Amino acid sequence: MTATTTHTGAVELTVGQVAEQLGVTVRTLHHYDEVGLLTPSTRTYAGYRLYTGADLERLRTIVVYRRLGFGLDEVRELLDGDVPVVEHLRRQRAAVLTRLDELGGLVAAIDRALEHAMAEQPATTEDLKELFGDGFSEDYQQEAEQRWGATDAWKQSAARTTRYTKADWALVKAEQEAVGAAFVAAMDAGLPATSEAAMEAAEAHRRSIHDRFYDCSTAMHRGLADLYLADPRFTRTYETIKAGMAQYVHDAIHANADRAERRAGTA
């Protein structure tokens, strides 16, 4: 049905047309009419409601007040209190600004909760790739699980690291880099692998494994040192940092284990 045009040229809209234009339901318009909140100014010869421009202006004000949470009785009091349109708009604007402040605070609270929740989430594969780059390989992870998955050390490590967040892994990476830097500093200073500095770096290496992954005794640490030379991938990791580093780390770890055994023997 098209809009009706009166003899004065004014356009009058049907219930359906008004509902479509202002985003309200026909049922809502009927209810507003029944309670006297918005009664269409005219009707067709067949008795159908027709809304004028003034009706639409009143409805727009009603819609805004309703969206701001006002009850129908409150809206009626506001509209029928002989208040100028400008004053209605000012009230609506003030109410909207208040609501914006409230919603802004709510959004900030949600963001804080979301940030906290996300920070507590276990790290994803993408997080690990981002942190460790080429140092992380899904293929190597699968191979390592096949080789050592039945060991107590692997099970203990898996139980711990499953809960690690991205922040936890960032700390692991920082520790690894600090240990590597300590080894390099000892090498650059010309200190032998049996020096105090080299053995302290080796002990820091063992403690990082022990605290972050699985119980790592000095005896187990010796086995890892041997693996660093036996497995070309481990060797390459250290040699990429500094030439001769794989052998140096191996020797420092054995020296630190020897020191620990001497101390245990004299205890």
C-alpha atoms as a PDB file:
ATOM      1  CA  MET A   1       0.000   0.000   0.000  1.00  0.00           C
ATOM      2  CA  THR A   2       1.394   3.423  -0.934  1.00  0.00           C
ATOM      3  CA  ALA A   3       1.356   6.475   1.300  1.00  0.00           C
ATOM      4  CA  THR A   4      -1.834   8.533   1.244  1.00  0.00           C
ATOM      5  CA  THR A   5      -1.667  12.187   0.209  1.00  0.00           C
ATOM      6  CA  THR A   6      -4.286  14.561   1.604  1.00  0.00           C
ATOM      7  CA  HIS A   7      -5.822  17.463  -0.271  1.00  0.00           C
ATOM      8  CA  THR A   8      -3.298  19.753   1.441  1.00  0.00           C
ATOM      9  CA  GLY A   9      -0.372  17.782   0.051  1.00  0.00           C
ATOM     10  CA  ALA A  10       0.585  16.232   3.417  1.00  0.00           C
ATOM     11  CA  VAL A  11       1.710  12.612   3.308  1.00  0.00           C
ATOM     12  CA  GLU A  12       0.020  10.145   5.621  1.00  0.00           C
ATOM     13  CA  LEU A  13       1.489   6.699   6.254  1.00  0.00           C
ATOM     14  CA  THR A  14      -0.118   3.414   7.159  1.00  0.00           C
ATOM     15  CA  VAL A  15       0.831   1.363  10.197  1.00  0.00           C
ATOM     16  CA  GLY A  16       2.998  -0.954   8.117  1.00  0.00           C
ATOM     17  CA  GLN A  17       4.831   1.917   6.457  1.00  0.00           C
ATOM     18  CA  VAL A  18       5.518   3.627   9.782  1.00  0.00           C
ATOM     19  CA  ALA A  19       6.713   0.363  11.319  1.00  0.00           C
ATOM     20  CA  GLU A  20       9.166  -0.137   8.448  1.00  0.00           C
ATOM     21  CA  GLN A  21      10.495   3.427   8.524  1.00  0.00           C
ATOM     22  CA  LEU A  22      11.105   3.645  12.277  1.00  0.00           C
ATOM     23  CA  GLY A  23      12.009   0.040  12.994  1.00  0.00           C
ATOM     24  CA  VAL A  24       9.123  -0.759  15.329  1.00  0.00           C
ATOM     25  CA  THR A  25       6.555  -3.531  15.025  1.00  0.00           C
ATOM     26  CA  VAL A  26       2.965  -3.107  13.940  1.00  0.00           C
ATOM     27  CA  ARG A  27       1.940  -4.722  17.218  1.00  0.00           C
ATOM     28  CA  THR A  28       3.855  -2.038  19.138  1.00  0.00           C
ATOM     29  CA  LEU A  29       2.083   0.730  17.213  1.00  0.00           C
ATOM     30  CA  HIS A  30      -1.281  -0.835  17.945  1.00  0.00           C
ATOM     31  CA  HIS A  31      -0.366  -1.020  21.638  1.00  0.00           C
ATOM     32  CA  TYR A  32       0.709   2.636  21.699  1.00  0.00           C
ATOM     33  CA  ASP A  33      -2.667   3.503  20.198  1.00  0.00           C
ATOM     34  CA  GLU A  34      -4.564   1.378  22.724  1.00  0.00           C
ATOM     35  CA  VAL A  35      -2.839   2.983  25.742  1.00  0.00           C
ATOM     36  CA  GLY A  36      -3.188   6.474  24.297  1.00  0.00           C
ATOM     37  CA  LEU A  37       0.535   7.089  23.919  1.00  0.00           C
ATOM     38  CA  LEU A  38       0.378   7.585  20.158  1.00  0.00           C
ATOM     39  CA  THR A  39      -2.971   7.761  18.443  1.00  0.00           C
ATOM     40  CA  PRO A  40      -2.821   8.270  14.660  1.00  0.00           C
ATOM     41  CA  SER A  41      -4.411  11.540  13.643  1.00  0.00           C
ATOM     42  CA  THR A  42      -6.558  10.176  10.853  1.00  0.00           C
ATOM     43  CA  ARG A  43      -8.057   7.000   9.450  1.00  0.00           C
ATOM     44  CA  THR A  44      -9.076   5.828   6.046  1.00  0.00           C
ATOM     45  CA  TYR A  45     -12.738   5.378   5.074  1.00  0.00           C
ATOM     46  CA  ALA A  46     -12.216   1.696   5.845  1.00  0.00           C
ATOM     47  CA  GLY A  47     -11.003   2.554   9.365  1.00  0.00           C
ATOM     48  CA  TYR A  48      -7.275   1.930   8.871  1.00  0.00           C
ATOM     49  CA  ARG A  49      -4.879   4.066  10.881  1.00  0.00           C
ATOM     50  CA  LEU A  50      -2.978   6.831   9.077  1.00  0.00           C
ATOM     51  CA  TYR A  51      -0.038   8.691  10.638  1.00  0.00           C
ATOM     52  CA  THR A  52       0.792  12.315   9.876  1.00  0.00           C
ATOM     53  CA  GLY A  53       4.137  14.090  10.065  1.00  0.00           C
ATOM     54  CA  ALA A  54       3.330  15.249  13.586  1.00  0.00           C
ATOM     55  CA  ASP A  55       2.536  11.665  14.592  1.00  0.00           C
ATOM     56  CA  LEU A  56       5.888  10.515  13.230  1.00  0.00           C
ATOM     57  CA  GLU A  57       7.711  13.251  15.146  1.00  0.00           C
ATOM     58  CA  ARG A  58       6.041  12.106  18.386  1.00  0.00           C
ATOM     59  CA  LEU A  59       6.860   8.485  17.579  1.00  0.00           C
ATOM     60  CA  ARG A  60      10.522   9.301  16.991  1.00  0.00           C
ATOM     61  CA  THR A  61      10.672  10.869  20.439  1.00  0.00           C
ATOM     62  CA  ILE A  62       8.924   7.852  21.960  1.00  0.00           C
ATOM     63  CA  VAL A  63      11.374   5.466  20.274  1.00  0.00           C
ATOM     64  CA  VAL A  64      14.378   7.357  21.628  1.00  0.00           C
ATOM     65  CA  TYR A  65      13.011   7.477  25.176  1.00  0.00           C
ATOM     66  CA  ARG A  66      12.115   3.783  25.058  1.00  0.00           C
ATOM     67  CA  ARG A  67      15.613   2.870  23.871  1.00  0.00           C
ATOM     68  CA  LEU A  68      16.964   4.862  26.797  1.00  0.00           C
ATOM     69  CA  GLY A  69      14.987   2.625  29.127  1.00  0.00           C
ATOM     70  CA  PHE A  70      12.068   4.884  30.041  1.00  0.00           C
ATOM     71  CA  GLY A  71       8.759   3.185  30.871  1.00  0.00           C
ATOM     72  CA  LEU A  72       5.598   4.015  28.939  1.00  0.00           C
ATOM     73  CA  ASP A  73       4.153   6.078  31.791  1.00  0.00           C
ATOM     74  CA  GLU A  74       7.388   8.077  32.050  1.00  0.00           C
ATOM     75  CA  VAL A  75       7.378   8.682  28.310  1.00  0.00           C
ATOM     76  CA  ARG A  76       3.750   9.852  28.406  1.00  0.00           C
ATOM     77  CA  GLU A  77       4.534  12.314  31.225  1.00  0.00           C
ATOM     78  CA  LEU A  78       7.493  13.677  29.291  1.00  0.00           C
ATOM     79  CA  LEU A  79       5.523  14.055  26.062  1.00  0.00           C
ATOM     80  CA  ASP A  80       2.293  15.419  27.504  1.00  0.00           C
ATOM     81  CA  GLY A  81       3.911  17.913  29.842  1.00  0.00           C
ATOM     82  CA  ASP A  82       3.872  20.669  27.224  1.00  0.00           C
ATOM     83  CA  VAL A  83       7.664  20.548  26.881  1.00  0.00           C
ATOM     84  CA  PRO A  84       9.188  22.068  23.705  1.00  0.00           C
ATOM     85  CA  VAL A  85      10.845  19.685  21.244  1.00  0.00           C
ATOM     86  CA  VAL A  86      14.226  21.315  21.878  1.00  0.00           C
ATOM     87  CA  GLU A  87      13.954  20.466  25.565  1.00  0.00           C
ATOM     88  CA  HIS A  88      13.131  16.855  24.703  1.00  0.00           C
ATOM     89  CA  LEU A  89      16.213  16.664  22.532  1.00  0.00           C
ATOM     90  CA  ARG A  90      18.376  18.131  25.280  1.00  0.00           C
ATOM     91  CA  ARG A  91      17.042  15.592  27.767  1.00  0.00           C
ATOM     92  CA  GLN A  92      17.621  12.779  25.316  1.00  0.00           C
ATOM     93  CA  ARG A  93      21.147  13.956  24.622  1.00  0.00           C
ATOM     94  CA  ALA A  94      21.976  14.142  28.332  1.00  0.00           C
ATOM     95  CA  ALA A  95      20.514  10.685  28.888  1.00  0.00           C
ATOM     96  CA  VAL A  96      22.486   9.266  25.960  1.00  0.00           C
ATOM     97  CA  LEU A  97      25.740  10.789  27.243  1.00  0.00           C
ATOM     98  CA  THR A  98      25.094   9.296  30.676  1.00  0.00           C
ATOM     99  CA  ARG A  99      24.449   5.928  29.091  1.00  0.00           C
ATOM    100  CA  LEU A 100      27.614   6.255  26.996  1.00  0.00           C
ATOM    101  CA  ASP A 101      29.647   6.862  30.154  1.00  0.00           C
ATOM    102  CA  GLU A 102      28.080   3.798  31.756  1.00  0.00           C
ATOM    103  CA  LEU A 103      28.648   1.650  28.671  1.00  0.00           C
ATOM    104  CA  GLY A 104      32.190   2.965  28.306  1.00  0.00           C
ATOM    105  CA  GLY A 105      32.925   1.864  31.850  1.00  0.00           C
ATOM    106  CA  LEU A 106      31.331  -1.498  31.147  1.00  0.00           C
ATOM    107  CA  VAL A 107      33.410  -1.965  27.985  1.00  0.00           C
ATOM    108  CA  ALA A 108      36.573  -1.117  29.929  1.00  0.00           C
ATOM    109  CA  ALA A 109      35.652  -3.666  32.603  1.00  0.00           C
ATOM    110  CA  ILE A 110      34.954  -6.312  29.959  1.00  0.00           C
ATOM    111  CA  ASP A 111      38.275  -5.544  28.250  1.00  0.00           C
ATOM    112  CA  ARG A 112      40.131  -5.979  31.542  1.00  0.00           C
ATOM    113  CA  ALA A 113      38.363  -9.277  32.206  1.00  0.00           C
ATOM    114  CA  LEU A 114      39.032 -10.421  28.640  1.00  0.00           C
ATOM    115  CA  GLU A 115      42.706  -9.476  28.880  1.00  0.00           C
ATOM    116  CA  HIS A 116      43.010 -11.392  32.141  1.00  0.00           C
ATOM    117  CA  ALA A 117      41.190 -14.416  30.711  1.00  0.00           C
ATOM    118  CA  MET A 118      43.326 -14.410  27.573  1.00  0.00           C
ATOM    119  CA  ALA A 119      46.495 -14.093  29.638  1.00  0.00           C
ATOM    120  CA  GLU A 120      45.500 -17.223  31.544  1.00  0.00           C
ATOM    121  CA  GLN A 121      44.935 -19.260  28.382  1.00  0.00           C
ATOM    122  CA  PRO A 122      47.530 -21.928  27.513  1.00  0.00           C
ATOM    123  CA  ALA A 123      49.864 -20.861  24.712  1.00  0.00           C
ATOM    124  CA  THR A 124      48.907 -21.942  21.219  1.00  0.00           C
ATOM    125  CA  THR A 125      51.186 -23.389  18.547  1.00  0.00           C
ATOM    126  CA  GLU A 126      51.092 -19.987  16.851  1.00  0.00           C
ATOM    127  CA  ASP A 127      52.229 -18.335  20.107  1.00  0.00           C
ATOM    128  CA  LEU A 128      55.203 -20.710  20.352  1.00  0.00           C
ATOM    129  CA  LYS A 129      56.162 -20.128  16.729  1.00  0.00           C
ATOM    130  CA  GLU A 130      55.999 -16.394  17.319  1.00  0.00           C
ATOM    131  CA  LEU A 131      58.203 -16.630  20.406  1.00  0.00           C
ATOM    132  CA  PHE A 132      60.784 -19.185  19.283  1.00  0.00           C
ATOM    133  CA  GLY A 133      60.718 -18.817  15.497  1.00  0.00           C
ATOM    134  CA  ASP A 134      62.862 -21.504  13.863  1.00  0.00           C
ATOM    135  CA  GLY A 135      63.615 -22.851  17.329  1.00  0.00           C
ATOM    136  CA  PHE A 136      60.128 -24.354  17.447  1.00  0.00           C
ATOM    137  CA  SER A 137      59.232 -27.252  15.176  1.00  0.00           C
ATOM    138  CA  GLU A 138      56.040 -29.289  15.314  1.00  0.00           C
ATOM    139  CA  ASP A 139      57.833 -32.136  13.531  1.00  0.00           C
ATOM    140  CA  TYR A 140      60.555 -32.213  16.168  1.00  0.00           C
ATOM    141  CA  GLN A 141      57.952 -32.082  18.932  1.00  0.00           C
ATOM    142  CA  GLN A 142      56.272 -35.170  17.494  1.00  0.00           C
ATOM    143  CA  GLU A 143      59.610 -36.964  17.088  1.00  0.00           C
ATOM    144  CA  ALA A 144      60.608 -36.124  20.646  1.00  0.00           C
ATOM    145  CA  GLU A 145      57.320 -37.493  21.958  1.00  0.00           C
ATOM    146  CA  GLN A 146      57.827 -40.718  20.019  1.00  0.00           C
ATOM    147  CA  ARG A 147      61.344 -41.112  21.436  1.00  0.00           C
ATOM    148  CA  TRP A 148      60.755 -40.080  25.036  1.00  0.00           C
ATOM    149  CA  GLY A 149      56.971 -40.032  25.482  1.00  0.00           C
ATOM    150  CA  ALA A 150      57.022 -43.071  27.773  1.00  0.00           C
ATOM    151  CA  THR A 151      59.615 -41.580  30.148  1.00  0.00           C
ATOM    152  CA  ASP A 152      58.756 -39.976  33.479  1.00  0.00           C
ATOM    153  CA  ALA A 153      60.612 -36.826  32.450  1.00  0.00           C
ATOM    154  CA  TRP A 154      58.453 -36.388  29.358  1.00  0.00           C
ATOM    155  CA  LYS A 155      55.247 -36.973  31.306  1.00  0.00           C
ATOM    156  CA  GLN A 156      56.277 -34.508  33.976  1.00  0.00           C
ATOM    157  CA  SER A 157      57.237 -31.910  31.375  1.00  0.00           C
ATOM    158  CA  ALA A 158      53.974 -32.380  29.485  1.00  0.00           C
ATOM    159  CA  ALA A 159      51.946 -31.989  32.679  1.00  0.00           C
ATOM    160  CA  ARG A 160      53.702 -28.706  33.456  1.00  0.00           C
ATOM    161  CA  THR A 161      53.892 -27.122  30.023  1.00  0.00           C
ATOM    162  CA  THR A 162      50.297 -27.911  29.053  1.00  0.00           C
ATOM    163  CA  ARG A 163      49.237 -25.123  31.413  1.00  0.00           C
ATOM    164  CA  TYR A 164      51.914 -22.638  30.310  1.00  0.00           C
ATOM    165  CA  THR A 165      50.613 -19.351  28.961  1.00  0.00           C
ATOM    166  CA  LYS A 166      52.374 -17.251  26.375  1.00  0.00           C
ATOM    167  CA  ALA A 167      53.811 -15.180  29.234  1.00  0.00           C
ATOM    168  CA  ASP A 168      55.216 -18.346  30.845  1.00  0.00           C
ATOM    169  CA  TRP A 169      56.914 -19.344  27.602  1.00  0.00           C
ATOM    170  CA  ALA A 170      58.301 -15.827  27.248  1.00  0.00           C
ATOM    171  CA  LEU A 171      60.003 -16.316  30.640  1.00  0.00           C
ATOM    172  CA  VAL A 172      61.371 -19.672  29.476  1.00  0.00           C
ATOM    173  CA  LYS A 173      62.797 -18.024  26.379  1.00  0.00           C
ATOM    174  CA  ALA A 174      64.331 -15.211  28.440  1.00  0.00           C
ATOM    175  CA  GLU A 175      66.014 -17.752  30.715  1.00  0.00           C
ATOM    176  CA  GLN A 176      67.381 -19.686  27.749  1.00  0.00           C
ATOM    177  CA  GLU A 177      68.771 -16.519  26.190  1.00  0.00           C
ATOM    178  CA  ALA A 178      70.361 -15.498  29.501  1.00  0.00           C
ATOM    179  CA  VAL A 179      72.047 -18.898  29.821  1.00  0.00           C
ATOM    180  CA  GLY A 180      73.280 -18.697  26.242  1.00  0.00           C
ATOM    181  CA  ALA A 181      74.650 -15.221  26.857  1.00  0.00           C
ATOM    182  CA  ALA A 182      76.495 -16.457  29.970  1.00  0.00           C
ATOM    183  CA  PHE A 183      78.170 -19.241  27.974  1.00  0.00           C
ATOM    184  CA  VAL A 184      79.160 -16.811  25.216  1.00  0.00           C
ATOM    185  CA  ALA A 185      80.558 -14.337  27.753  1.00  0.00           C
ATOM    186  CA  ALA A 186      82.728 -17.072  29.291  1.00  0.00           C
ATOM    187  CA  MET A 187      83.950 -18.166  25.868  1.00  0.00           C
ATOM    188  CA  ASP A 188      84.676 -14.602  24.764  1.00  0.00           C
ATOM    189  CA  ALA A 189      86.652 -14.069  27.968  1.00  0.00           C
ATOM    190  CA  GLY A 190      88.833 -17.061  27.049  1.00  0.00           C
ATOM    191  CA  LEU A 191      87.735 -19.019  30.129  1.00  0.00           C
ATOM    192  CA  PRO A 192      87.924 -22.822  29.968  1.00  0.00           C
ATOM    193  CA  ALA A 193      84.785 -24.934  30.237  1.00  0.00           C
ATOM    194  CA  THR A 194      85.973 -25.965  33.709  1.00  0.00           C
ATOM    195  CA  SER A 195      86.012 -22.353  34.927  1.00  0.00           C
ATOM    196  CA  GLU A 196      83.660 -21.122  37.619  1.00  0.00           C
ATOM    197  CA  ALA A 197      81.799 -18.880  35.143  1.00  0.00           C
ATOM    198  CA  ALA A 198      81.250 -21.705  32.660  1.00  0.00           C
ATOM    199  CA  MET A 199      80.096 -24.111  35.375  1.00  0.00           C
ATOM    200  CA  GLU A 200      77.691 -21.488  36.777  1.00  0.00           C
ATOM    201  CA  ALA A 201      76.222 -21.072  33.298  1.00  0.00           C
ATOM    202  CA  ALA A 202      75.842 -24.852  33.096  1.00  0.00           C
ATOM    203  CA  GLU A 203      74.141 -24.932  36.488  1.00  0.00           C
ATOM    204  CA  ALA A 204      71.762 -22.160  35.404  1.00  0.00           C
ATOM    205  CA  HIS A 205      70.994 -24.281  32.334  1.00  0.00           C
ATOM    206  CA  ARG A 206      70.206 -27.313  34.525  1.00  0.00           C
ATOM    207  CA  ARG A 207      68.120 -25.290  36.948  1.00  0.00           C
ATOM    208  CA  SER A 208      66.022 -23.848  34.118  1.00  0.00           C
ATOM    209  CA  ILE A 209      65.210 -27.360  32.880  1.00  0.00           C
ATOM    210  CA  HIS A 210      64.606 -28.577  36.433  1.00  0.00           C
ATOM    211  CA  ASP A 211      62.286 -25.687  37.351  1.00  0.00           C
ATOM    212  CA  ARG A 212      60.406 -25.323  34.072  1.00  0.00           C
ATOM    213  CA  PHE A 213      60.146 -28.820  32.631  1.00  0.00           C
ATOM    214  CA  TYR A 214      61.165 -31.886  34.644  1.00  0.00           C
ATOM    215  CA  ASP A 215      63.382 -32.976  37.510  1.00  0.00           C
ATOM    216  CA  CYS A 216      66.879 -32.767  36.069  1.00  0.00           C
ATOM    217  CA  SER A 217      69.675 -34.224  38.176  1.00  0.00           C
ATOM    218  CA  THR A 218      73.313 -33.582  37.302  1.00  0.00           C
ATOM    219  CA  ALA A 219      73.487 -37.166  36.025  1.00  0.00           C
ATOM    220  CA  MET A 220      70.567 -36.550  33.686  1.00  0.00           C
ATOM    221  CA  HIS A 221      72.176 -33.275  32.715  1.00  0.00           C
ATOM    222  CA  ARG A 222      75.272 -35.186  31.614  1.00  0.00           C
ATOM    223  CA  GLY A 223      73.101 -37.262  29.303  1.00  0.00           C
ATOM    224  CA  LEU A 224      71.650 -34.118  27.758  1.00  0.00           C
ATOM    225  CA  ALA A 225      75.144 -32.737  27.223  1.00  0.00           C
ATOM    226  CA  ASP A 226      76.113 -35.883  25.318  1.00  0.00           C
ATOM    227  CA  LEU A 227      72.961 -35.517  23.212  1.00  0.00           C
ATOM    228  CA  TYR A 228      73.968 -31.975  22.269  1.00  0.00           C
ATOM    229  CA  LEU A 229      76.973 -33.436  20.462  1.00  0.00           C
ATOM    230  CA  ALA A 230      75.305 -36.624  19.217  1.00  0.00           C
ATOM    231  CA  ASP A 231      72.280 -34.973  17.620  1.00  0.00           C
ATOM    232  CA  PRO A 232      73.279 -32.601  14.785  1.00  0.00           C
ATOM    233  CA  ARG A 233      70.210 -30.450  15.368  1.00  0.00           C
ATOM    234  CA  PHE A 234      71.210 -29.655  18.941  1.00  0.00           C
ATOM    235  CA  THR A 235      74.775 -29.100  17.823  1.00  0.00           C
ATOM    236  CA  ARG A 236      73.641 -26.734  15.072  1.00  0.00           C
ATOM    237  CA  THR A 237      71.531 -24.737  17.535  1.00  0.00           C
ATOM    238  CA  TYR A 238      74.585 -23.938  19.631  1.00  0.00           C
ATOM    239  CA  GLU A 239      76.990 -23.549  16.724  1.00  0.00           C
ATOM    240  CA  THR A 240      74.636 -20.985  15.193  1.00  0.00           C
ATOM    241  CA  ILE A 241      75.097 -18.868  18.294  1.00  0.00           C
ATOM    242  CA  LYS A 242      78.874 -19.225  18.368  1.00  0.00           C
ATOM    243  CA  ALA A 243      81.358 -21.567  16.730  1.00  0.00           C
ATOM    244  CA  GLY A 244      82.597 -24.232  19.151  1.00  0.00           C
ATOM    245  CA  MET A 245      79.760 -23.567  21.594  1.00  0.00           C
ATOM    246  CA  ALA A 246      78.232 -27.073  21.472  1.00  0.00           C
ATOM    247  CA  GLN A 247      81.445 -28.679  22.682  1.00  0.00           C
ATOM    248  CA  TYR A 248      81.978 -25.913  25.248  1.00  0.00           C
ATOM    249  CA  VAL A 249      78.465 -26.351  26.698  1.00  0.00           C
ATOM    250  CA  HIS A 250      78.959 -30.122  26.768  1.00  0.00           C
ATOM    251  CA  ASP A 251      82.229 -29.809  28.658  1.00  0.00           C
ATOM    252  CA  ALA A 252      80.882 -27.180  31.064  1.00  0.00           C
ATOM    253  CA  ILE A 253      77.901 -29.379  31.943  1.00  0.00           C
ATOM    254  CA  HIS A 254      80.181 -32.338  32.693  1.00  0.00           C
ATOM    255  CA  ALA A 255      82.465 -30.098  34.734  1.00  0.00           C
ATOM    256  CA  ASN A 256      79.487 -28.817  36.730  1.00  0.00           C
ATOM    257  CA  ALA A 257      78.284 -32.388  37.337  1.00  0.00           C
ATOM    258  CA  ASP A 258      81.770 -33.347  38.524  1.00  0.00           C
ATOM    259  CA  ARG A 259      81.765 -30.388  40.894  1.00  0.00           C
ATOM    260  CA  ALA A 260      78.353 -31.364  42.275  1.00  0.00           C
ATOM    261  CA  GLU A 261      79.561 -34.923  42.906  1.00  0.00           C
ATOM    262  CA  ARG A 262      82.667 -33.660  44.721  1.00  0.00           C
ATOM    263  CA  ARG A 263      80.554 -31.441  46.901  1.00  0.00           C
ATOM    264  CA  ALA A 264      78.166 -34.294  47.651  1.00  0.00           C
ATOM    265  CA  GLY A 265      81.133 -36.514  48.556  1.00  0.00           C
ATOM    266  CA  THR A 266      82.472 -34.015  51.068  1.00  0.00           C
ATOM    267  CA  ALA A 267      79.082 -33.199  52.577  1.00  0.00           C
END
